[in-house]
Protein backbone atom coordinates (compact mmCIF):
# COMPACT_ATOMS: atom_id res chain seq x y z
CA UNK A 1 -9.58 -14.53 2.43
CA UNK A 2 -11.68 -11.53 3.40
CA UNK A 3 -11.35 -8.20 1.61
CA UNK A 4 -11.55 -5.27 4.04
CA UNK A 5 -11.88 -1.75 2.59
CA UNK A 6 -9.61 0.84 4.20
CA UNK A 7 -10.76 4.38 4.88
CA UNK A 8 -8.11 7.05 5.20
CA UNK A 9 -9.94 10.37 5.57
CA UNK A 10 -8.61 13.80 6.41
CA UNK A 11 -11.89 15.35 7.54
CA UNK A 12 -15.41 14.42 8.69
CA UNK A 13 -17.18 14.91 5.36
CA UNK A 14 -14.84 12.53 3.55
CA UNK A 15 -15.17 9.97 6.34
CA UNK A 16 -18.96 10.01 6.24
CA UNK A 17 -19.08 9.86 2.44
CA UNK A 18 -16.86 6.78 2.31
CA UNK A 19 -18.68 5.03 5.15
CA UNK A 20 -22.04 5.55 3.47
CA UNK A 21 -20.67 4.29 0.14
CA UNK A 22 -19.74 0.97 1.77
CA UNK A 23 -22.85 0.36 3.84
CA UNK A 24 -24.72 -2.58 2.36
CA UNK A 25 -21.65 -3.57 0.33
CA UNK A 26 -19.38 -5.00 3.05
CA UNK A 27 -19.73 -5.87 6.73
CA UNK A 28 -16.40 -4.51 7.96
CA UNK A 29 -14.15 -1.53 7.24
CA UNK A 30 -10.76 -0.53 8.52
CA UNK A 31 -10.28 3.04 9.69
CA UNK A 32 -6.71 4.29 9.26
CA UNK A 33 -5.89 6.77 12.00
CA UNK A 34 -2.62 8.74 11.63
CA UNK A 35 -1.30 11.41 13.99
CA UNK A 36 1.23 13.10 11.67
CA UNK A 37 4.14 12.01 13.84
CA UNK A 38 4.25 8.22 13.63
CA UNK A 39 3.59 8.55 9.88
CA UNK A 40 3.61 11.59 7.54
CA UNK A 41 -0.12 12.23 7.29
CA UNK A 42 -2.92 13.54 9.49
CA UNK A 43 -6.34 11.91 9.39
CA UNK A 44 -9.63 12.09 11.25
CA UNK A 45 -9.43 11.54 15.00
CA UNK A 46 -12.02 10.31 17.54
CA UNK A 47 -13.62 13.77 17.80
CA UNK A 48 -14.78 13.43 14.18
CA UNK A 49 -17.00 10.48 15.14
CA UNK A 50 -19.24 12.44 17.51
CA UNK A 51 -22.93 11.78 16.69
CA UNK A 52 -21.87 9.42 13.93
CA UNK A 53 -23.32 5.92 13.66
CA UNK A 54 -22.89 3.03 11.25
CA UNK A 55 -23.80 -0.64 11.28
CA UNK A 56 -20.46 -1.53 9.71
CA UNK A 57 -18.02 -3.37 11.95
CA UNK A 58 -15.14 -0.99 12.64
CA UNK A 59 -11.56 -2.18 12.70
CA UNK A 60 -9.13 0.51 13.85
CA UNK A 61 -5.59 0.61 12.44
CA UNK A 62 -3.88 3.14 14.68
CA UNK A 63 -0.68 4.71 13.35
CA UNK A 64 -0.06 6.94 16.35
CA UNK A 65 2.39 7.13 19.21
CA UNK A 66 1.09 6.32 22.72
CA UNK A 67 -1.80 4.14 21.46
CA UNK A 68 -3.23 3.74 24.96
CA UNK A 69 -4.45 7.35 24.75
CA UNK A 70 -6.89 6.42 21.96
CA UNK A 71 -8.39 3.19 23.25
CA UNK A 72 -11.31 4.62 25.25
CA UNK A 73 -12.40 7.00 22.49
CA UNK A 74 -12.67 4.26 19.87
CA UNK A 75 -14.35 1.89 22.29
CA UNK A 76 -17.00 4.56 22.82
CA UNK A 77 -17.81 4.77 19.09
CA UNK A 78 -18.32 1.02 18.95
CA UNK A 79 -15.10 -0.22 17.37
CA UNK A 80 -14.77 -4.00 17.60
CA UNK A 81 -11.09 -4.45 16.74
CA UNK A 82 -8.22 -2.16 17.72
CA UNK A 83 -4.86 -2.71 16.01
CA UNK A 84 -1.85 -0.66 17.13
CA UNK A 85 1.77 -0.57 16.06
CA UNK A 86 4.19 -2.39 18.30
CA UNK A 87 6.80 0.25 17.34
CA UNK A 88 4.62 3.05 18.76
CA UNK A 89 4.82 2.08 22.43
CA UNK A 90 7.38 0.94 24.98
CA UNK A 91 4.89 -1.44 26.58
CA UNK A 92 2.82 -3.37 24.02
CA UNK A 93 1.55 -5.84 26.61
CA UNK A 94 0.00 -3.05 28.67
CA UNK A 95 -1.75 -1.65 25.59
CA UNK A 96 -3.13 -5.11 24.81
CA UNK A 97 -4.61 -5.37 28.29
CA UNK A 98 -6.16 -1.88 28.08
CA UNK A 99 -7.82 -2.77 24.77
CA UNK A 100 -9.21 -6.00 26.21
CA UNK A 101 -10.55 -4.12 29.24
CA UNK A 102 -12.67 -2.01 26.87
CA UNK A 103 -14.19 -5.12 25.25
CA UNK A 104 -12.33 -4.80 21.94
CA UNK A 105 -10.16 -7.38 20.18
CA UNK A 106 -6.52 -6.22 20.30
CA UNK A 107 -4.17 -6.58 17.38
CA UNK A 108 -0.53 -5.79 16.64
CA UNK A 109 0.69 -4.13 13.45
CA UNK A 110 4.24 -4.36 12.09
CA UNK A 111 6.03 -1.81 9.92
CA UNK A 112 7.78 -3.13 6.79
CA UNK A 113 11.17 -2.86 8.49
CA UNK A 114 10.19 -4.67 11.70
CA UNK A 115 11.34 -8.27 11.96
CA UNK A 116 8.73 -10.74 13.19
CA UNK A 117 11.30 -12.41 15.44
CA UNK A 118 11.88 -9.14 17.31
CA UNK A 119 8.30 -9.06 18.64
CA UNK A 120 7.78 -12.78 19.06
CA UNK A 121 6.63 -12.65 22.70
CA UNK A 122 3.92 -10.08 21.93
CA UNK A 123 2.54 -11.93 18.91
CA UNK A 124 1.57 -14.87 21.11
CA UNK A 125 -0.80 -12.63 23.10
CA UNK A 126 -3.09 -11.45 20.29
CA UNK A 127 -5.44 -12.99 17.73
CA UNK A 128 -4.92 -10.26 15.13
CA UNK A 129 -1.61 -9.45 13.44
CA UNK A 130 -1.40 -6.84 10.69
CA UNK A 131 1.53 -6.93 8.28
CA UNK A 132 2.05 -3.54 6.66
CA UNK A 133 3.31 -4.11 3.13
CA UNK A 134 3.79 -0.41 2.31
CA UNK A 135 5.24 2.46 4.30
CA UNK A 136 2.57 4.02 6.53
CA UNK A 137 0.71 7.24 5.87
CA UNK A 138 -0.43 7.33 2.25
CA UNK A 139 -2.37 5.08 -0.12
CA UNK A 140 -1.46 4.03 -3.65
CA UNK A 141 2.04 2.75 -2.92
CA UNK A 142 3.45 -0.38 -4.60
CA UNK A 143 3.48 -3.51 -2.49
CA UNK A 144 6.70 -4.44 -0.70
CA UNK A 145 6.92 -8.08 -1.77
CA UNK A 146 9.37 -9.02 0.99
CA UNK A 147 6.62 -8.37 3.55
CA UNK A 148 4.61 -11.34 2.30
CA UNK A 149 6.95 -13.86 3.93
CA UNK A 150 6.03 -12.34 7.30
CA UNK A 151 2.59 -13.92 6.99
CA UNK A 152 4.21 -17.35 7.24
CA UNK A 153 6.65 -16.19 9.92
CA UNK A 154 3.78 -15.01 12.14
CA UNK A 155 1.91 -18.29 11.73
CA UNK A 156 4.98 -20.25 12.86
CA UNK A 157 4.87 -18.29 16.12
CA UNK A 158 1.10 -18.09 16.52
CA UNK A 159 -0.74 -20.62 14.31
CA UNK A 160 -4.13 -19.37 15.50
CA UNK A 161 -3.53 -15.73 14.57
CA UNK A 162 -5.64 -14.02 11.94
CA UNK A 163 -2.98 -12.44 9.75
CA UNK A 164 -3.96 -9.31 7.85
CA UNK A 165 -1.96 -7.96 4.91
CA UNK A 166 -2.30 -4.22 4.43
CA UNK A 167 -0.90 -2.21 1.54
CA UNK A 168 -0.40 -2.41 -2.21
CA UNK A 169 -3.16 -4.96 -2.76
CA UNK A 170 -5.02 -4.65 -6.06
CA UNK A 171 -6.31 -6.81 -8.93
CA UNK A 172 -2.75 -7.38 -10.20
CA UNK A 173 -1.05 -8.21 -6.88
CA UNK A 174 -3.91 -10.18 -5.33
CA UNK A 175 -3.09 -13.52 -7.02
CA UNK A 176 0.46 -13.34 -5.59
CA UNK A 177 -0.79 -12.32 -2.15
CA UNK A 178 -3.26 -15.19 -2.14
CA UNK A 179 -0.40 -17.73 -2.32
CA UNK A 180 0.71 -16.66 1.17
CA UNK A 181 -2.80 -17.27 2.55
CA UNK A 182 -3.47 -14.20 4.70
CA UNK A 183 -6.74 -14.33 6.64
CA UNK A 184 -7.72 -10.99 5.12
CA UNK A 185 -6.36 -8.20 2.97
CA UNK A 186 -6.92 -4.49 3.49
CA UNK A 187 -7.51 -2.51 0.30
CA UNK A 188 -7.68 1.25 0.01
CA UNK A 189 -6.44 2.87 -3.20
CA UNK A 190 -7.69 0.09 -5.51
CA UNK A 191 -11.22 0.65 -4.17
CA UNK A 192 -11.35 4.44 -3.98
CA UNK A 193 -9.80 5.09 -7.39
CA UNK A 194 -13.06 3.75 -8.86
CA UNK A 195 -16.21 5.89 -9.01
CA UNK A 196 -18.22 3.05 -7.50
CA UNK A 197 -16.46 1.17 -4.67
CA UNK A 198 -18.95 -1.69 -4.97
CA UNK A 199 -17.74 -2.39 -8.51
CA UNK A 200 -14.11 -2.23 -7.36
CA UNK A 201 -14.80 -4.77 -4.63
CA UNK A 202 -16.48 -7.11 -7.13
CA UNK A 203 -13.37 -6.93 -9.34
CA UNK A 204 -11.14 -7.77 -6.38
CA UNK A 205 -13.28 -10.74 -5.39
CA UNK A 206 -13.07 -12.02 -8.96
CA UNK A 207 -9.27 -11.59 -8.97
CA UNK A 208 -8.84 -13.66 -5.79
CA UNK A 209 -10.67 -16.72 -7.15
């Protein structure tokens, strides 16, 4: 079970500071991108990545309506994985194809209130499925325990999917999360509340053993 740090930044300086703090500590980070409409927050957008480079593998978690509008911009900054919310578009299959055309791995994210069975046909077309176990927009929320069962529900539909759990994961909740065997967990608040994110990540790795 991989631990992926999440970066939710409101401006360029914060983004760069957090990226630099993780370089040499992890290989992959998730960038949370929020438009202020799909979820009640506004974060950095593609324009903030101009002349910015990192060796970290970038996984995009897009919490924005009309996700197809963002695909090219994140492909241009070198993102490897692009996860969008199935609730944010009327045509998820088209978005999947656009992402693939830009040489990125597409993924589907589900809000806490979205039933896995309602998006069954789309889940079979991707290798990445993100289960949001908090309400989107802000970090530090308690985990929604009912979301954990969705990990197993997704695997019944697509056994080969890499299932990502995102939200409310920390040293206390990690042992419970581990029982549901997600491929990876995304952690934000539990990492950034510490002065040194490297120490926070070590604590999380110890808690998952």
